[in-house]
Amino acid sequence: MTYSFRPAAASEAKPLVGLYAESGCGKTKSALLLAKGFAGDMAKVGMIETESGRGEAYANDPVVGGYRVLPLRGDFSPKAYGQAIGAAEAASLQALIIDSASHEWEGVGGVLAMAAANQADGKKGVLVWQKPKIEHQREFMGRLMQTPIPLVIVCMRAKYPMEEKVAGGKKDWVRSENLEPKQSDDILYEMFVHAWIDRAHNLHVTKFTLDEEMRRVFSDGEPITVDTGKRLAAWAAGRPSVSAPKAADETGAPTSAAPRSSAPGRITAEQKAELERECDAALISVTKVCDKAKIFSLDEMEAEDFDAALAWVRKVAASRAPDEAATLRKIEAAKDREAAAEILDTCRNFPFYDRLSSAFVAQWGQ
């Protein structure tokens, strides 16, 4: 084989999008809306469906109905996924949705099951994971990375894992504040864009390509729509300019893609500090606020955008907040003090924490 260089082509950068969320947050519908906007014709959209038919719930939906499905049942091995991706390629799809990729990792016949079978057969050390990981990379990840399908959307289940923290000199296990997909630790590194979806169906982007046009495609803190898919299709087509989202969302949060003026009128140090405090309390990265405002740092924010940015942060915080009454019932029904404390700790950054804390002390003591 002869090796040679060629000029770089933007068209080779095909979007591979990862969406992850807890159950009921709208991964499937969001993926279908994105695929429709991208492909235009739902007959060109296909789904590798592993959720016992739940992925077909929108078959008669007036907006996203008409897509094609390849059900996977019983065998969720990397090889089975790879063969399904091959079938999608043979069908000449314009957009492929994998709903969900979590089964390839933790489902029947998946990577974890393969490793457990090796362990049961008496294999030890690296031999337990060697073949499962090789098959995961070759049959699943390799196929995802090299497929000619113009758009692949990978849906994944997600959870808040437990993590060890030290407080007052004592170690304790608490629920993490970061949502993680149920898949291999490094799968998100392979995604061109990845994001999680909250219970209000709003998107929270956790990785953007550095391409400024791509930053205009996804509206952070808002639901995915058909228009999101249209903007993504325009980006993939290599157009010189992608129409940006509307100038402001319902809260007035700045989304204009127009370059910022270098004239005076930026936010004050006090306003910057207030935004940082609000972001910290809401567990929102300051970077996300900057992405929303199409700036690189808070120092570049115009004073006239401060109120809108602050309102957006508070809106996102409110959408993430658990239900106070439901959380109180969980604390009261906890099997022991440790379990109740774990539930309480998940609300540490929300306004009603002190009320829940008082209820906790009344039931379980200091």
Protein backbone atom coordinates (compact mmCIF):
# COMPACT_ATOMS: atom_id res chain seq x y z
CA MET A 1 0.00 0.00 0.00
CA THR A 2 1.24 3.48 -0.89
CA TYR A 3 0.78 6.23 1.68
CA SER A 4 0.34 9.86 0.65
CA PHE A 5 -0.96 13.12 2.09
CA ARG A 6 -3.92 15.10 0.73
CA PRO A 7 -5.39 18.50 1.64
CA ALA A 8 -7.54 18.49 4.77
CA ALA A 9 -11.30 18.58 4.08
CA ALA A 10 -13.85 19.83 6.60
CA SER A 11 -16.39 17.38 5.15
CA GLU A 12 -14.41 14.51 6.68
CA ALA A 13 -15.37 15.71 10.19
CA LYS A 14 -18.67 13.85 10.48
CA PRO A 15 -20.74 14.62 13.59
CA LEU A 16 -20.86 11.82 16.16
CA VAL A 17 -23.22 13.00 18.91
CA GLY A 18 -23.56 11.43 22.36
CA LEU A 19 -26.69 12.08 24.46
CA TYR A 20 -26.99 10.74 27.99
CA ALA A 21 -29.62 11.16 30.71
CA GLU A 22 -31.55 9.47 33.45
CA SER A 23 -34.71 7.58 32.51
CA GLY A 24 -37.59 9.72 31.27
CA CYS A 25 -35.58 12.81 30.36
CA GLY A 26 -36.24 12.58 26.62
CA LYS A 27 -33.16 11.01 25.03
CA THR A 28 -35.14 9.17 22.33
CA LYS A 29 -37.39 12.07 21.32
CA SER A 30 -34.44 14.49 21.31
CA ALA A 31 -32.44 12.13 19.08
CA LEU A 32 -35.36 11.76 16.67
CA LEU A 33 -35.87 15.53 16.42
CA LEU A 34 -32.15 16.04 15.78
CA ALA A 35 -32.14 13.29 13.14
CA LYS A 36 -35.24 14.69 11.39
CA GLY A 37 -33.77 18.15 11.10
CA PHE A 38 -30.53 16.69 9.79
CA ALA A 39 -31.92 14.16 7.30
CA GLY A 40 -35.11 15.99 6.32
CA ASP A 41 -36.88 12.73 5.47
CA MET A 42 -37.62 10.33 8.34
CA ALA A 43 -37.46 7.41 5.88
CA LYS A 44 -33.70 8.07 5.86
CA VAL A 45 -33.49 7.81 9.67
CA GLY A 46 -32.87 4.46 11.33
CA MET A 47 -32.69 3.32 14.95
CA ILE A 48 -30.84 0.37 16.47
CA GLU A 49 -33.40 -0.22 19.22
CA THR A 50 -32.47 -2.12 22.41
CA GLU A 51 -35.11 -0.82 24.83
CA SER A 52 -37.68 -3.62 24.44
CA GLY A 53 -39.73 -1.59 21.95
CA ARG A 54 -39.73 1.72 23.81
CA GLY A 55 -37.73 3.23 20.98
CA GLU A 56 -40.72 2.68 18.70
CA ALA A 57 -43.10 4.68 20.90
CA TYR A 58 -42.92 7.60 18.48
CA ALA A 59 -43.71 5.56 15.35
CA ASN A 60 -47.05 7.36 14.89
CA ASP A 61 -45.90 10.73 16.22
CA PRO A 62 -46.95 13.43 13.71
CA VAL A 63 -43.57 15.14 13.97
CA VAL A 64 -41.02 12.31 14.03
CA GLY A 65 -42.94 9.22 12.91
CA GLY A 66 -41.86 7.21 9.88
CA TYR A 67 -38.34 6.18 10.94
CA ARG A 68 -36.94 2.68 10.46
CA VAL A 69 -35.97 0.31 13.28
CA LEU A 70 -33.62 -2.62 13.74
CA PRO A 71 -34.47 -4.26 17.10
CA LEU A 72 -31.70 -5.93 19.11
CA ARG A 73 -32.93 -8.46 21.66
CA GLY A 74 -31.14 -10.93 23.91
CA ASP A 75 -27.60 -10.46 22.60
CA PHE A 76 -26.01 -7.07 23.22
CA SER A 77 -22.44 -8.08 22.42
CA PRO A 78 -20.11 -5.64 20.65
CA LYS A 79 -20.25 -7.91 17.60
CA ALA A 80 -24.07 -7.71 17.49
CA TYR A 81 -23.89 -3.91 17.57
CA GLY A 82 -21.24 -3.93 14.86
CA GLN A 83 -23.42 -6.08 12.61
CA ALA A 84 -26.38 -3.78 13.22
CA ILE A 85 -24.26 -0.76 12.23
CA GLY A 86 -23.31 -2.67 9.08
CA ALA A 87 -27.00 -3.18 8.30
CA ALA A 88 -27.57 0.57 8.75
CA GLU A 89 -24.80 1.28 6.27
CA ALA A 90 -26.32 -1.15 3.76
CA ALA A 91 -29.67 0.66 4.14
CA SER A 92 -28.01 3.95 3.04
CA LEU A 93 -29.28 5.86 6.05
CA GLN A 94 -28.58 9.56 6.44
CA ALA A 95 -28.90 9.43 10.23
CA LEU A 96 -28.54 6.51 12.65
CA ILE A 97 -29.72 6.53 16.27
CA ILE A 98 -28.36 3.92 18.69
CA ASP A 99 -30.86 3.68 21.54
CA SER A 100 -29.19 2.70 23.66
CA ALA A 101 -25.44 2.04 23.65
CA SER A 102 -25.52 1.25 27.38
CA HIS A 103 -26.60 -2.33 26.67
CA GLU A 104 -23.37 -2.97 24.75
CA TRP A 105 -21.51 -2.31 28.00
CA GLU A 106 -23.78 -3.67 30.74
CA GLY A 107 -26.49 -5.70 28.97
CA VAL A 108 -26.84 -9.44 28.33
CA GLY A 109 -23.79 -10.55 26.36
CA GLY A 110 -22.22 -7.09 26.72
CA VAL A 111 -18.69 -6.21 27.79
CA LEU A 112 -19.28 -6.58 31.54
CA ALA A 113 -21.04 -9.92 31.00
CA MET A 114 -18.17 -11.16 28.85
CA ALA A 115 -15.67 -10.23 31.57
CA ALA A 116 -17.81 -11.92 34.25
CA ALA A 117 -17.97 -15.10 32.13
CA ASN A 118 -14.19 -15.09 31.79
CA GLN A 119 -13.84 -14.75 35.54
CA ALA A 120 -16.29 -17.61 36.11
CA ASP A 121 -14.19 -19.75 33.76
CA GLY A 122 -11.18 -19.22 36.01
CA LYS A 123 -9.35 -16.56 34.02
CA LYS A 124 -7.46 -13.99 36.06
CA GLY A 125 -5.79 -10.61 35.73
CA VAL A 126 -5.60 -9.05 32.27
CA LEU A 127 -7.14 -12.14 30.68
CA VAL A 128 -10.50 -11.28 32.26
CA TRP A 129 -10.79 -8.02 30.31
CA GLN A 130 -8.51 -8.56 27.33
CA LYS A 131 -10.96 -10.03 24.82
CA PRO A 132 -14.04 -8.03 25.95
CA LYS A 133 -12.15 -4.74 25.57
CA ILE A 134 -10.65 -5.73 22.23
CA GLU A 135 -14.10 -6.61 20.89
CA HIS A 136 -15.55 -3.39 22.32
CA GLN A 137 -12.95 -1.33 20.47
CA ARG A 138 -12.99 -3.31 17.22
CA GLU A 139 -16.64 -4.29 16.80
CA PHE A 140 -18.39 -1.30 18.37
CA MET A 141 -16.21 1.80 18.77
CA GLY A 142 -14.26 1.15 15.59
CA ARG A 143 -17.46 0.81 13.58
CA LEU A 144 -18.87 3.99 15.10
CA MET A 145 -15.75 5.98 14.26
CA GLN A 146 -15.41 4.71 10.69
CA THR A 147 -19.01 4.46 9.49
CA PRO A 148 -19.84 6.48 6.36
CA ILE A 149 -23.31 7.32 7.75
CA PRO A 150 -23.41 11.15 7.82
CA LEU A 151 -24.82 11.43 11.37
CA VAL A 152 -24.74 8.95 14.25
CA ILE A 153 -26.49 9.77 17.53
CA VAL A 154 -25.49 7.58 20.48
CA CYS A 155 -28.04 7.54 23.32
CA MET A 156 -26.88 6.29 26.72
CA ARG A 157 -28.48 5.74 30.08
CA ALA A 158 -26.84 7.68 32.90
CA LYS A 159 -26.48 7.79 36.67
CA TYR A 160 -24.99 9.82 39.50
CA PRO A 161 -22.27 7.46 40.82
CA MET A 162 -21.15 7.25 44.45
CA GLU A 163 -17.81 8.80 45.33
CA GLU A 164 -15.69 8.92 48.47
CA LYS A 165 -15.25 12.29 50.17
CA VAL A 166 -13.50 13.39 53.35
CA ALA A 167 -15.33 15.76 55.72
CA GLY A 168 -14.21 16.58 59.23
CA GLY A 169 -11.45 14.02 58.97
CA LYS A 170 -13.91 11.22 58.21
CA LYS A 171 -14.38 9.37 54.94
CA ASP A 172 -17.88 9.00 53.61
CA TRP A 173 -19.55 7.82 50.41
CA VAL A 174 -21.80 10.41 48.81
CA ARG A 175 -23.62 10.67 45.53
CA SER A 176 -21.61 12.50 42.89
CA GLU A 177 -22.88 15.80 41.49
CA ASN A 178 -21.76 14.78 37.98
CA LEU A 179 -23.98 12.65 35.76
CA GLU A 180 -22.08 9.86 33.99
CA PRO A 181 -23.18 7.68 31.05
CA LYS A 182 -23.45 3.94 31.53
CA GLN A 183 -20.74 2.94 29.08
CA SER A 184 -16.96 2.67 28.96
CA ASP A 185 -15.08 5.41 30.79
CA ASP A 186 -13.61 6.84 27.59
CA ILE A 187 -16.56 6.73 25.20
CA LEU A 188 -17.23 10.46 25.54
CA TYR A 189 -13.72 11.20 24.25
CA GLU A 190 -14.75 9.75 20.89
CA MET A 191 -17.87 11.91 20.54
CA PHE A 192 -17.71 15.03 18.39
CA VAL A 193 -20.30 16.61 20.64
CA HIS A 194 -21.75 15.18 23.83
CA ALA A 195 -24.36 16.48 26.24
CA TRP A 196 -26.72 15.41 29.01
CA ILE A 197 -30.44 16.09 29.15
CA ASP A 198 -32.23 17.18 32.33
CA ARG A 199 -35.73 16.32 33.51
CA ALA A 200 -37.14 19.40 31.78
CA HIS A 201 -35.67 18.00 28.51
CA ASN A 202 -33.09 20.80 28.30
CA LEU A 203 -29.70 20.07 26.76
CA HIS A 204 -26.47 20.72 28.67
CA VAL A 205 -23.45 20.44 26.41
CA THR A 206 -20.37 18.93 28.06
CA LYS A 207 -18.13 18.98 24.98
CA PHE A 208 -18.05 21.16 21.89
CA THR A 209 -15.76 20.94 18.93
CA LEU A 210 -13.59 24.05 18.82
CA ASP A 211 -15.29 25.05 15.57
CA GLU A 212 -17.17 28.29 16.34
CA GLU A 213 -19.93 27.38 13.87
CA MET A 214 -20.67 24.20 15.86
CA ARG A 215 -21.20 26.32 18.96
CA ARG A 216 -24.06 27.97 17.12
CA VAL A 217 -25.71 24.64 16.33
CA PHE A 218 -26.67 23.50 19.83
CA SER A 219 -28.56 25.85 22.16
CA ASP A 220 -27.21 25.04 25.59
CA GLY A 221 -29.86 24.99 28.31
CA GLU A 222 -32.69 24.48 25.82
CA PRO A 223 -34.38 21.38 24.32
CA ILE A 224 -33.20 19.89 21.04
CA THR A 225 -35.55 20.75 18.18
CA VAL A 226 -35.83 20.00 14.48
CA ASP A 227 -34.11 23.34 13.89
CA THR A 228 -31.09 22.04 15.83
CA GLY A 229 -30.81 19.24 13.29
CA LYS A 230 -31.14 21.67 10.40
CA ARG A 231 -28.30 23.79 11.77
CA LEU A 232 -26.20 20.64 12.20
CA ALA A 233 -26.90 19.64 8.58
CA ALA A 234 -25.84 23.10 7.42
CA TRP A 235 -22.62 22.78 9.42
CA ALA A 236 -21.92 19.32 7.99
CA ALA A 237 -22.50 20.61 4.47
CA GLY A 238 -19.63 23.04 4.98
CA ARG A 239 -21.62 26.20 4.43
CA PRO A 240 -19.69 29.35 5.25
CA SER A 241 -22.25 30.48 7.82
CA VAL A 242 -24.84 28.68 9.91
CA SER A 243 -27.92 30.59 10.98
CA ALA A 244 -27.69 31.11 14.71
CA PRO A 245 -30.51 30.43 17.18
CA LYS A 246 -32.89 33.26 18.01
CA ALA A 247 -31.32 36.28 19.63
CA ALA A 248 -32.73 35.47 23.09
CA ASP A 249 -34.58 32.61 24.70
CA GLU A 250 -37.69 32.80 26.86
CA THR A 251 -35.67 34.11 29.81
CA GLY A 252 -33.90 36.67 27.66
CA ALA A 253 -30.57 34.84 27.91
CA PRO A 254 -28.18 36.13 25.26
CA THR A 255 -27.67 33.75 22.32
CA SER A 256 -26.64 36.13 19.57
CA ALA A 257 -23.67 34.96 17.55
CA ALA A 258 -22.69 38.49 16.59
CA PRO A 259 -19.19 39.50 17.68
CA ARG A 260 -18.98 41.56 20.86
CA SER A 261 -18.03 45.21 20.67
CA SER A 262 -14.75 46.26 22.23
CA ALA A 263 -16.35 49.47 23.47
CA PRO A 264 -16.81 50.16 27.21
CA GLY A 265 -19.90 48.88 28.96
CA ARG A 266 -18.81 45.48 30.31
CA ILE A 267 -20.11 44.02 33.58
CA THR A 268 -18.52 45.17 36.82
CA ALA A 269 -16.32 43.07 39.08
CA GLU A 270 -19.24 42.81 41.51
CA GLN A 271 -21.56 41.53 38.77
CA LYS A 272 -18.95 39.03 37.63
CA ALA A 273 -18.56 37.78 41.21
CA GLU A 274 -22.34 37.45 41.57
CA LEU A 275 -22.58 35.37 38.39
CA GLU A 276 -19.75 33.16 39.60
CA ARG A 277 -21.49 32.65 42.97
CA GLU A 278 -24.78 31.77 41.29
CA CYS A 279 -23.05 29.32 38.94
CA ASP A 280 -21.22 27.72 41.84
CA ALA A 281 -24.41 27.33 43.86
CA ALA A 282 -26.26 25.86 40.86
CA LEU A 283 -23.37 23.55 39.90
CA ILE A 284 -23.15 25.21 36.48
CA SER A 285 -19.82 25.82 34.81
CA VAL A 286 -19.05 29.48 34.10
CA THR A 287 -17.90 28.24 30.69
CA LYS A 288 -21.50 27.32 29.85
CA VAL A 289 -22.62 30.88 30.56
CA CYS A 290 -19.85 32.16 28.30
CA ASP A 291 -20.85 29.70 25.57
CA LYS A 292 -24.43 30.88 25.88
CA ALA A 293 -23.38 34.51 25.49
CA LYS A 294 -20.88 33.66 22.71
CA ILE A 295 -17.95 35.10 24.65
CA PHE A 296 -14.72 33.55 25.91
CA SER A 297 -14.81 34.86 29.48
CA LEU A 298 -17.12 36.79 31.81
CA ASP A 299 -14.81 39.79 31.45
CA GLU A 300 -16.18 40.17 27.89
CA MET A 301 -19.85 40.21 28.92
CA GLU A 302 -21.74 43.39 28.09
CA ALA A 303 -23.49 45.06 31.05
CA GLU A 304 -26.80 44.95 29.19
CA ASP A 305 -26.61 41.14 29.10
CA PHE A 306 -26.01 40.65 32.82
CA ASP A 307 -29.66 40.36 33.94
CA ALA A 308 -30.47 37.92 31.14
CA ALA A 309 -27.43 35.76 31.94
CA LEU A 310 -28.29 35.70 35.64
CA ALA A 311 -31.90 34.74 34.83
CA TRP A 312 -30.68 31.90 32.61
CA VAL A 313 -28.44 30.49 35.36
CA ARG A 314 -31.33 30.58 37.83
CA LYS A 315 -33.67 28.96 35.30
CA VAL A 316 -31.24 26.08 34.75
CA ALA A 317 -30.75 25.74 38.52
CA ALA A 318 -34.52 25.55 39.03
CA SER A 319 -34.86 22.86 36.36
CA ARG A 320 -32.27 20.73 38.15
CA ALA A 321 -33.75 21.13 41.61
CA PRO A 322 -35.37 17.97 43.02
CA ASP A 323 -38.90 18.12 44.38
CA GLU A 324 -38.73 19.14 48.05
CA ALA A 325 -41.77 17.18 49.22
CA ALA A 326 -40.71 14.03 47.37
CA THR A 327 -37.20 14.29 48.78
CA LEU A 328 -38.59 14.70 52.31
CA ARG A 329 -40.63 11.52 51.87
CA LYS A 330 -37.50 9.68 50.75
CA ILE A 331 -35.62 10.87 53.83
CA GLU A 332 -38.45 9.77 56.11
CA ALA A 333 -38.66 6.36 54.41
CA ALA A 334 -34.89 5.73 54.36
CA LYS A 335 -33.82 2.40 55.84
CA ASP A 336 -31.19 3.96 58.12
CA ARG A 337 -29.49 7.23 59.03
CA GLU A 338 -26.68 6.78 56.51
CA ALA A 339 -29.11 6.31 53.62
CA ALA A 340 -31.13 9.34 54.75
CA ALA A 341 -27.95 11.45 54.97
CA GLU A 342 -27.03 10.44 51.45
CA ILE A 343 -30.42 11.63 50.16
CA LEU A 344 -30.12 14.89 52.10
CA ASP A 345 -26.65 15.56 50.70
CA THR A 346 -27.94 15.55 47.11
CA CYS A 347 -29.88 18.75 47.98
CA ARG A 348 -27.00 20.61 49.58
CA ASN A 349 -26.94 23.34 46.94
CA PHE A 350 -30.67 24.04 46.82
CA PRO A 351 -32.59 26.69 48.82
CA PHE A 352 -34.71 24.20 50.76
CA TYR A 353 -31.69 22.31 52.12
CA ASP A 354 -31.98 23.90 55.58
CA ARG A 355 -35.64 22.81 55.89
CA LEU A 356 -34.78 19.26 54.87
CA SER A 357 -31.80 19.31 57.23
CA SER A 358 -34.06 20.27 60.14
CA ALA A 359 -36.44 17.42 59.27
CA PHE A 360 -33.48 15.03 59.06
CA VAL A 361 -32.21 16.06 62.53
CA ALA A 362 -35.72 15.74 64.00
CA GLN A 363 -35.98 12.15 62.75
CA TRP A 364 -32.42 10.87 62.90
CA GLY A 365 -30.65 13.21 65.34
CA GLN A 366 -27.47 15.23 64.88
